[in-house]
Amino acid sequence: ERALVGMGEAADQFWGNLADLGLLPELRRLGEADKQAARRSANRHADSPLLLKAVLAAGLFPNVLLVSPGRARPSLSQQKQSVSIHPSSFNHMASSFTTSYLVFHEKVKTSKIVVHDVTAVTALDLLLLGGEIKVLHAQHRVVIDNWIDLTISPRVAVLF
């Protein structure tokens, strides 16, 4: 029960921070019905896994891993550094991922370098919400944060 109360307090604090920035209405001034309506409105996209992954990509950047095919499991790296998923993580035994990029919450060095809490994100998530973009028009490439290398069509590259 205390954990749920703590989560509720954290959610209220987060809402207050966003309200202070002018991104959400101030709940303290609203009646209960208006509070519920404001919460429903703010959560109208809560069931969108694509939006959630985009938000994670923005929030966890530059914690990005490149996924490459491996023998039994995919090979993971970050700027030429080999990384493994921690054995206690949900995706530890994954034989493949739906995208070539993962974001992670924490990286720890034990006998090897491991990451916790990984989520697959798209190249578009990283392109729109990631780090510094360098467009190489003639080569049909975009480089994000000087190491994430994407092939891109000239029509799309022109947008950046």
N, C-alpha and C. Protein backbone atom coordinates (compact mmCIF):
# COMPACT_ATOMS: atom_id res chain seq x y z
N GLU A 1 0.82 -1.19 0.00
CA GLU A 1 0.00 0.00 0.00
C GLU A 1 0.87 1.26 0.00
N ARG A 2 1.97 1.24 0.79
CA ARG A 2 2.85 2.42 0.83
C ARG A 2 3.47 2.68 -0.54
N ALA A 3 3.78 1.61 -1.26
CA ALA A 3 4.36 1.79 -2.60
C ALA A 3 3.39 2.49 -3.52
N LEU A 4 2.11 2.12 -3.45
CA LEU A 4 1.10 2.77 -4.30
C LEU A 4 0.90 4.23 -3.91
N VAL A 5 0.92 4.51 -2.62
CA VAL A 5 0.81 5.89 -2.17
C VAL A 5 2.01 6.69 -2.68
N GLY A 6 3.19 6.11 -2.57
CA GLY A 6 4.40 6.78 -3.06
C GLY A 6 4.34 7.05 -4.55
N MET A 7 3.81 6.08 -5.31
CA MET A 7 3.67 6.28 -6.76
C MET A 7 2.68 7.40 -7.05
N GLY A 8 1.60 7.46 -6.30
CA GLY A 8 0.61 8.52 -6.48
C GLY A 8 1.20 9.89 -6.18
N GLU A 9 2.00 9.96 -5.11
CA GLU A 9 2.65 11.22 -4.76
C GLU A 9 3.65 11.64 -5.83
N ALA A 10 4.39 10.68 -6.38
CA ALA A 10 5.34 11.00 -7.45
C ALA A 10 4.61 11.50 -8.69
N ALA A 11 3.48 10.86 -9.01
CA ALA A 11 2.69 11.29 -10.17
C ALA A 11 2.16 12.70 -9.95
N ASP A 12 1.68 12.99 -8.74
CA ASP A 12 1.19 14.34 -8.44
C ASP A 12 2.32 15.37 -8.55
N GLN A 13 3.50 15.01 -8.06
CA GLN A 13 4.65 15.92 -8.14
C GLN A 13 5.04 16.17 -9.60
N PHE A 14 5.04 15.12 -10.41
CA PHE A 14 5.37 15.26 -11.83
C PHE A 14 4.34 16.16 -12.52
N TRP A 15 3.06 15.93 -12.22
CA TRP A 15 2.00 16.78 -12.79
C TRP A 15 2.25 18.23 -12.39
N GLY A 16 2.59 18.45 -11.11
CA GLY A 16 2.86 19.82 -10.64
C GLY A 16 4.02 20.46 -11.38
N ASN A 17 5.07 19.68 -11.64
CA ASN A 17 6.22 20.21 -12.39
C ASN A 17 5.82 20.61 -13.79
N LEU A 18 5.01 19.77 -14.44
CA LEU A 18 4.55 20.09 -15.80
C LEU A 18 3.59 21.28 -15.79
N ALA A 19 2.79 21.39 -14.73
CA ALA A 19 1.88 22.55 -14.59
C ALA A 19 2.68 23.83 -14.41
N ASP A 20 3.76 23.77 -13.62
CA ASP A 20 4.61 24.94 -13.42
C ASP A 20 5.22 25.43 -14.73
N LEU A 21 5.45 24.49 -15.66
CA LEU A 21 5.99 24.84 -16.97
C LEU A 21 4.90 25.32 -17.94
N GLY A 22 3.65 25.22 -17.51
CA GLY A 22 2.54 25.65 -18.36
C GLY A 22 2.08 24.59 -19.33
N LEU A 23 2.53 23.34 -19.14
CA LEU A 23 2.18 22.27 -20.07
C LEU A 23 0.88 21.57 -19.68
N LEU A 24 0.49 21.68 -18.42
CA LEU A 24 -0.74 21.06 -17.92
C LEU A 24 -1.45 22.05 -17.02
N PRO A 25 -2.77 21.89 -16.85
CA PRO A 25 -3.48 22.80 -15.93
C PRO A 25 -3.11 22.51 -14.48
N GLU A 26 -3.23 23.52 -13.65
CA GLU A 26 -2.97 23.39 -12.22
C GLU A 26 -4.15 22.69 -11.57
N LEU A 27 -3.94 21.51 -11.02
CA LEU A 27 -5.04 20.70 -10.47
C LEU A 27 -5.57 21.24 -9.15
N ARG A 28 -4.74 21.92 -8.37
CA ARG A 28 -5.19 22.39 -7.06
C ARG A 28 -6.35 23.36 -7.16
N ARG A 29 -6.49 24.02 -8.27
CA ARG A 29 -7.55 25.02 -8.43
C ARG A 29 -8.82 24.44 -9.04
N LEU A 30 -8.82 23.16 -9.35
CA LEU A 30 -9.96 22.54 -10.03
C LEU A 30 -10.79 21.70 -9.07
N GLY A 31 -12.09 21.61 -9.38
CA GLY A 31 -12.95 20.70 -8.65
C GLY A 31 -12.66 19.27 -9.08
N GLU A 32 -13.22 18.31 -8.35
CA GLU A 32 -12.91 16.89 -8.62
C GLU A 32 -13.29 16.48 -10.04
N ALA A 33 -14.46 16.89 -10.53
CA ALA A 33 -14.88 16.52 -11.89
C ALA A 33 -13.93 17.11 -12.93
N ASP A 34 -13.53 18.36 -12.72
CA ASP A 34 -12.59 19.00 -13.65
C ASP A 34 -11.21 18.37 -13.59
N LYS A 35 -10.80 17.93 -12.40
CA LYS A 35 -9.52 17.23 -12.26
C LYS A 35 -9.53 15.95 -13.08
N GLN A 36 -10.61 15.19 -12.96
CA GLN A 36 -10.72 13.94 -13.71
C GLN A 36 -10.72 14.19 -15.21
N ALA A 37 -11.42 15.24 -15.65
CA ALA A 37 -11.46 15.59 -17.08
C ALA A 37 -10.07 16.00 -17.56
N ALA A 38 -9.34 16.76 -16.74
CA ALA A 38 -7.98 17.19 -17.11
C ALA A 38 -7.06 15.98 -17.22
N ARG A 39 -7.18 15.03 -16.30
CA ARG A 39 -6.35 13.82 -16.34
C ARG A 39 -6.67 12.98 -17.57
N ARG A 40 -7.96 12.83 -17.88
CA ARG A 40 -8.34 12.07 -19.08
C ARG A 40 -7.78 12.73 -20.33
N SER A 41 -7.88 14.03 -20.40
CA SER A 41 -7.38 14.75 -21.57
C SER A 41 -5.86 14.60 -21.70
N ALA A 42 -5.14 14.71 -20.58
CA ALA A 42 -3.69 14.59 -20.62
C ALA A 42 -3.24 13.18 -20.97
N ASN A 43 -4.08 12.20 -20.69
CA ASN A 43 -3.72 10.80 -20.93
C ASN A 43 -4.37 10.21 -22.17
N ARG A 44 -4.85 11.05 -23.07
CA ARG A 44 -5.58 10.54 -24.24
C ARG A 44 -4.72 9.67 -25.15
N HIS A 45 -3.40 9.79 -25.08
CA HIS A 45 -2.51 8.97 -25.90
C HIS A 45 -1.78 7.90 -25.09
N ALA A 46 -2.28 7.63 -23.89
CA ALA A 46 -1.59 6.71 -22.98
C ALA A 46 -1.52 5.29 -23.52
N ASP A 47 -2.39 4.91 -24.43
CA ASP A 47 -2.39 3.56 -24.97
C ASP A 47 -1.56 3.40 -26.24
N SER A 48 -0.76 4.40 -26.56
CA SER A 48 0.04 4.37 -27.79
C SER A 48 1.46 3.91 -27.48
N PRO A 49 1.79 2.63 -27.80
CA PRO A 49 3.16 2.18 -27.54
C PRO A 49 4.19 2.92 -28.39
N LEU A 50 3.81 3.36 -29.58
CA LEU A 50 4.76 4.11 -30.42
C LEU A 50 5.12 5.45 -29.78
N LEU A 51 4.13 6.11 -29.21
CA LEU A 51 4.40 7.38 -28.54
C LEU A 51 5.25 7.15 -27.29
N LEU A 52 4.95 6.11 -26.55
CA LEU A 52 5.73 5.79 -25.35
C LEU A 52 7.19 5.54 -25.72
N LYS A 53 7.43 4.80 -26.79
CA LYS A 53 8.80 4.52 -27.21
C LYS A 53 9.51 5.79 -27.67
N ALA A 54 8.79 6.68 -28.34
CA ALA A 54 9.39 7.95 -28.76
C ALA A 54 9.77 8.79 -27.54
N VAL A 55 8.91 8.81 -26.53
CA VAL A 55 9.21 9.55 -25.31
C VAL A 55 10.42 8.93 -24.60
N LEU A 56 10.48 7.61 -24.56
CA LEU A 56 11.64 6.95 -23.96
C LEU A 56 12.92 7.28 -24.72
N ALA A 57 12.84 7.30 -26.05
CA ALA A 57 14.02 7.64 -26.86
C ALA A 57 14.50 9.05 -26.53
N ALA A 58 13.57 9.98 -26.42
CA ALA A 58 13.94 11.36 -26.09
C ALA A 58 14.50 11.47 -24.68
N GLY A 59 13.87 10.79 -23.73
CA GLY A 59 14.28 10.91 -22.34
C GLY A 59 15.56 10.16 -22.01
N LEU A 60 15.82 9.06 -22.68
CA LEU A 60 16.99 8.25 -22.36
C LEU A 60 18.19 8.54 -23.25
N PHE A 61 18.02 9.32 -24.32
CA PHE A 61 19.14 9.66 -25.18
C PHE A 61 20.19 10.37 -24.34
N PRO A 62 21.45 10.03 -24.43
CA PRO A 62 22.19 9.27 -25.42
C PRO A 62 22.40 7.80 -25.07
N ASN A 63 21.59 7.25 -24.20
CA ASN A 63 21.72 5.84 -23.82
C ASN A 63 21.13 4.95 -24.91
N VAL A 64 21.84 4.83 -26.00
CA VAL A 64 21.37 4.11 -27.19
C VAL A 64 22.33 2.97 -27.50
N LEU A 65 21.77 1.83 -27.89
CA LEU A 65 22.56 0.69 -28.32
C LEU A 65 22.24 0.36 -29.77
N LEU A 66 23.24 -0.05 -30.50
CA LEU A 66 23.07 -0.55 -31.86
C LEU A 66 22.91 -2.06 -31.78
N VAL A 67 21.88 -2.58 -32.43
CA VAL A 67 21.61 -4.02 -32.44
C VAL A 67 22.10 -4.59 -33.77
N SER A 68 22.96 -5.59 -33.70
CA SER A 68 23.45 -6.27 -34.90
C SER A 68 23.13 -7.76 -34.77
N PRO A 69 22.94 -8.45 -35.90
CA PRO A 69 22.67 -9.89 -35.82
C PRO A 69 23.84 -10.62 -35.15
N GLY A 70 23.50 -11.61 -34.35
CA GLY A 70 24.51 -12.44 -33.70
C GLY A 70 24.21 -13.90 -33.94
N ARG A 71 24.96 -14.76 -33.31
CA ARG A 71 24.72 -16.21 -33.49
C ARG A 71 23.42 -16.62 -32.81
N ALA A 72 23.43 -16.72 -31.51
CA ALA A 72 22.23 -17.12 -30.77
C ALA A 72 21.38 -15.91 -30.42
N ARG A 73 22.04 -14.83 -30.05
CA ARG A 73 21.36 -13.60 -29.66
C ARG A 73 21.99 -12.43 -30.39
N PRO A 74 21.25 -11.33 -30.48
CA PRO A 74 21.82 -10.16 -31.16
C PRO A 74 23.05 -9.62 -30.42
N SER A 75 23.91 -9.00 -31.18
CA SER A 75 25.09 -8.34 -30.63
C SER A 75 24.72 -6.87 -30.36
N LEU A 76 25.09 -6.37 -29.20
CA LEU A 76 24.75 -5.00 -28.82
C LEU A 76 26.02 -4.19 -28.61
N SER A 77 26.00 -2.94 -29.07
CA SER A 77 27.17 -2.08 -28.88
C SER A 77 26.73 -0.63 -28.74
N GLN A 78 27.62 0.12 -28.10
CA GLN A 78 27.45 1.56 -27.99
C GLN A 78 28.80 2.19 -28.30
N GLN A 79 28.89 2.89 -29.39
CA GLN A 79 30.13 3.52 -29.83
C GLN A 79 31.31 2.54 -29.76
N LYS A 80 31.17 1.42 -30.42
CA LYS A 80 32.20 0.37 -30.53
C LYS A 80 32.46 -0.38 -29.23
N GLN A 81 31.69 -0.12 -28.20
CA GLN A 81 31.83 -0.81 -26.92
C GLN A 81 30.78 -1.92 -26.86
N SER A 82 31.22 -3.15 -26.69
CA SER A 82 30.31 -4.29 -26.61
C SER A 82 29.57 -4.26 -25.28
N VAL A 83 28.26 -4.53 -25.34
CA VAL A 83 27.39 -4.44 -24.17
C VAL A 83 26.48 -5.66 -24.15
N SER A 84 26.13 -6.12 -22.95
CA SER A 84 25.17 -7.22 -22.79
C SER A 84 23.98 -6.74 -21.97
N ILE A 85 22.87 -7.43 -22.12
CA ILE A 85 21.69 -7.13 -21.30
C ILE A 85 21.82 -7.92 -20.00
N HIS A 86 21.57 -7.26 -18.90
CA HIS A 86 21.70 -7.90 -17.58
C HIS A 86 20.77 -9.11 -17.48
N PRO A 87 21.24 -10.20 -16.87
CA PRO A 87 20.43 -11.42 -16.77
C PRO A 87 19.07 -11.24 -16.09
N SER A 88 18.93 -10.24 -15.23
CA SER A 88 17.64 -10.03 -14.57
C SER A 88 16.67 -9.21 -15.41
N SER A 89 17.13 -8.67 -16.54
CA SER A 89 16.26 -7.86 -17.39
C SER A 89 15.34 -8.74 -18.24
N PHE A 90 14.18 -8.20 -18.51
CA PHE A 90 13.16 -8.93 -19.26
C PHE A 90 13.66 -9.38 -20.63
N ASN A 91 14.40 -8.54 -21.32
CA ASN A 91 14.86 -8.83 -22.69
C ASN A 91 16.16 -9.61 -22.75
N HIS A 92 16.65 -10.10 -21.62
CA HIS A 92 17.95 -10.78 -21.59
C HIS A 92 18.03 -11.94 -22.58
N MET A 93 17.00 -12.73 -22.69
CA MET A 93 17.03 -13.92 -23.55
C MET A 93 16.43 -13.67 -24.94
N ALA A 94 16.19 -12.42 -25.28
CA ALA A 94 15.59 -12.12 -26.59
C ALA A 94 16.49 -12.61 -27.72
N SER A 95 15.90 -13.31 -28.67
CA SER A 95 16.68 -13.81 -29.80
C SER A 95 16.74 -12.80 -30.94
N SER A 96 15.87 -11.79 -30.89
CA SER A 96 15.89 -10.72 -31.90
C SER A 96 15.10 -9.53 -31.36
N PHE A 97 15.26 -8.40 -32.04
CA PHE A 97 14.51 -7.19 -31.70
C PHE A 97 13.86 -6.67 -32.97
N THR A 98 12.81 -5.89 -32.82
CA THR A 98 12.05 -5.40 -33.97
C THR A 98 12.75 -4.24 -34.68
N THR A 99 13.72 -3.64 -34.03
CA THR A 99 14.44 -2.51 -34.64
C THR A 99 15.94 -2.71 -34.43
N SER A 100 16.71 -1.82 -35.01
CA SER A 100 18.17 -1.89 -34.88
C SER A 100 18.71 -1.05 -33.73
N TYR A 101 17.81 -0.46 -32.94
CA TYR A 101 18.25 0.41 -31.86
C TYR A 101 17.47 0.12 -30.58
N LEU A 102 18.18 0.19 -29.46
CA LEU A 102 17.57 0.06 -28.14
C LEU A 102 17.99 1.26 -27.31
N VAL A 103 17.12 1.70 -26.43
CA VAL A 103 17.52 2.66 -25.42
C VAL A 103 17.52 1.92 -24.08
N PHE A 104 18.36 2.39 -23.16
CA PHE A 104 18.47 1.72 -21.87
C PHE A 104 18.50 2.75 -20.76
N HIS A 105 18.19 2.27 -19.56
CA HIS A 105 18.16 3.17 -18.41
C HIS A 105 19.50 3.25 -17.69
N GLU A 106 20.15 2.12 -17.53
CA GLU A 106 21.36 2.10 -16.71
C GLU A 106 22.41 1.16 -17.31
N LYS A 107 23.67 1.59 -17.25
CA LYS A 107 24.79 0.75 -17.70
C LYS A 107 25.72 0.55 -16.51
N VAL A 108 26.10 -0.71 -16.28
CA VAL A 108 26.93 -1.07 -15.13
C VAL A 108 28.09 -1.94 -15.61
N LYS A 109 29.26 -1.72 -15.02
CA LYS A 109 30.40 -2.58 -15.34
C LYS A 109 30.59 -3.57 -14.20
N THR A 110 30.43 -4.84 -14.52
CA THR A 110 30.73 -5.93 -13.58
C THR A 110 31.90 -6.67 -14.21
N SER A 111 31.80 -7.97 -14.39
CA SER A 111 32.84 -8.68 -15.12
C SER A 111 32.76 -8.31 -16.61
N LYS A 112 31.61 -7.81 -17.03
CA LYS A 112 31.43 -7.24 -18.37
C LYS A 112 30.48 -6.06 -18.24
N ILE A 113 30.27 -5.34 -19.31
CA ILE A 113 29.39 -4.18 -19.27
C ILE A 113 27.97 -4.64 -19.60
N VAL A 114 27.04 -4.33 -18.69
CA VAL A 114 25.65 -4.75 -18.84
C VAL A 114 24.73 -3.55 -18.74
N VAL A 115 23.57 -3.67 -19.38
CA VAL A 115 22.56 -2.62 -19.31
C VAL A 115 21.27 -3.20 -18.73
N HIS A 116 20.50 -2.33 -18.13
CA HIS A 116 19.21 -2.68 -17.55
C HIS A 116 18.11 -1.93 -18.29
N ASP A 117 16.93 -2.51 -18.32
CA ASP A 117 15.72 -1.82 -18.80
C ASP A 117 15.86 -1.31 -20.23
N VAL A 118 15.96 -2.22 -21.19
CA VAL A 118 16.09 -1.84 -22.59
C VAL A 118 14.73 -1.86 -23.29
N THR A 119 14.59 -0.95 -24.24
CA THR A 119 13.38 -0.84 -25.05
C THR A 119 13.78 -0.57 -26.49
N ALA A 120 13.16 -1.28 -27.42
CA ALA A 120 13.43 -1.05 -28.84
C ALA A 120 12.81 0.28 -29.27
N VAL A 121 13.58 1.07 -30.01
CA VAL A 121 13.08 2.33 -30.57
C VAL A 121 13.45 2.36 -32.05
N THR A 122 12.78 3.21 -32.79
CA THR A 122 13.03 3.29 -34.23
C THR A 122 14.09 4.34 -34.55
N ALA A 123 14.62 4.23 -35.74
CA ALA A 123 15.58 5.22 -36.22
C ALA A 123 14.91 6.59 -36.30
N LEU A 124 13.63 6.62 -36.65
CA LEU A 124 12.91 7.90 -36.73
C LEU A 124 12.81 8.55 -35.36
N ASP A 125 12.57 7.75 -34.31
CA ASP A 125 12.55 8.29 -32.95
C ASP A 125 13.87 9.00 -32.65
N LEU A 126 14.97 8.35 -32.98
CA LEU A 126 16.30 8.92 -32.72
C LEU A 126 16.56 10.13 -33.59
N LEU A 127 16.12 10.07 -34.83
CA LEU A 127 16.34 11.18 -35.76
C LEU A 127 15.60 12.43 -35.30
N LEU A 128 14.36 12.26 -34.88
CA LEU A 128 13.55 13.41 -34.48
C LEU A 128 13.82 13.88 -33.06
N LEU A 129 14.17 12.96 -32.16
CA LEU A 129 14.24 13.31 -30.75
C LEU A 129 15.61 13.07 -30.11
N GLY A 130 16.59 12.65 -30.92
CA GLY A 130 17.91 12.33 -30.38
C GLY A 130 18.82 13.54 -30.34
N GLY A 131 20.08 13.28 -30.53
CA GLY A 131 21.11 14.31 -30.39
C GLY A 131 21.35 15.12 -31.65
N GLU A 132 22.56 15.64 -31.75
CA GLU A 132 22.95 16.49 -32.87
C GLU A 132 22.94 15.69 -34.17
N ILE A 133 22.36 16.29 -35.21
CA ILE A 133 22.22 15.63 -36.51
C ILE A 133 23.20 16.25 -37.49
N LYS A 134 23.94 15.38 -38.18
CA LYS A 134 24.82 15.81 -39.26
C LYS A 134 24.31 15.15 -40.53
N VAL A 135 23.86 15.95 -41.49
CA VAL A 135 23.32 15.43 -42.74
C VAL A 135 24.42 15.41 -43.79
N LEU A 136 24.63 14.24 -44.38
CA LEU A 136 25.61 14.06 -45.46
C LEU A 136 24.80 13.78 -46.73
N HIS A 137 24.32 14.86 -47.35
CA HIS A 137 23.41 14.75 -48.49
C HIS A 137 23.97 13.89 -49.62
N ALA A 138 25.19 14.13 -50.01
CA ALA A 138 25.78 13.42 -51.15
C ALA A 138 25.90 11.93 -50.88
N GLN A 139 26.06 11.54 -49.62
CA GLN A 139 26.23 10.13 -49.27
C GLN A 139 24.91 9.47 -48.86
N HIS A 140 23.83 10.24 -48.86
CA HIS A 140 22.51 9.73 -48.45
C HIS A 140 22.55 9.18 -47.02
N ARG A 141 23.21 9.93 -46.13
CA ARG A 141 23.36 9.47 -44.75
C ARG A 141 23.08 10.60 -43.78
N VAL A 142 22.67 10.20 -42.59
CA VAL A 142 22.54 11.11 -41.47
C VAL A 142 23.29 10.48 -40.31
N VAL A 143 24.08 11.27 -39.61
CA VAL A 143 24.81 10.78 -38.44
C VAL A 143 24.29 11.54 -37.22
N ILE A 144 23.83 10.77 -36.24
CA ILE A 144 23.31 11.36 -35.01
C ILE A 144 24.35 11.20 -33.92
N ASP A 145 24.65 12.30 -33.25
CA ASP A 145 25.57 12.28 -32.11
C ASP A 145 26.94 11.71 -32.48
N ASN A 146 27.34 11.87 -33.72
CA ASN A 146 28.65 11.43 -34.24
C ASN A 146 28.89 9.93 -34.23
N TRP A 147 27.84 9.09 -34.05
CA TRP A 147 28.09 7.64 -34.11
C TRP A 147 26.90 6.83 -34.60
N ILE A 148 25.71 7.34 -34.53
CA ILE A 148 24.53 6.60 -35.03
C ILE A 148 24.38 6.96 -36.49
N ASP A 149 24.67 6.02 -37.37
CA ASP A 149 24.75 6.25 -38.81
C ASP A 149 23.52 5.67 -39.49
N LEU A 150 22.73 6.53 -40.13
CA LEU A 150 21.51 6.10 -40.80
C LEU A 150 21.60 6.38 -42.29
N THR A 151 21.14 5.44 -43.09
CA THR A 151 20.98 5.67 -44.52
C THR A 151 19.63 6.31 -44.72
N ILE A 152 19.59 7.36 -45.54
CA ILE A 152 18.35 8.12 -45.70
C ILE A 152 18.23 8.58 -47.15
N SER A 153 17.02 8.63 -47.64
CA SER A 153 16.82 9.08 -49.02
C SER A 153 17.03 10.57 -49.13
N PRO A 154 17.47 11.05 -50.29
CA PRO A 154 17.70 12.48 -50.48
C PRO A 154 16.44 13.32 -50.22
N ARG A 155 15.27 12.77 -50.57
CA ARG A 155 14.00 13.49 -50.34
C ARG A 155 13.76 13.76 -48.86
N VAL A 156 14.11 12.80 -48.04
CA VAL A 156 13.94 12.95 -46.60
C VAL A 156 15.06 13.80 -46.01
N ALA A 157 16.27 13.60 -46.48
CA ALA A 157 17.42 14.34 -45.95
C ALA A 157 17.26 15.85 -46.11
N VAL A 158 16.59 16.25 -47.18
CA VAL A 158 16.37 17.66 -47.46
C VAL A 158 15.56 18.32 -46.33
N LEU A 159 14.76 17.55 -45.62
CA LEU A 159 13.95 18.08 -44.53
C LEU A 159 14.81 18.54 -43.35
N PHE A 160 16.03 18.03 -43.30
CA PHE A 160 16.90 18.38 -42.16
C PHE A 160 17.95 19.34 -42.60
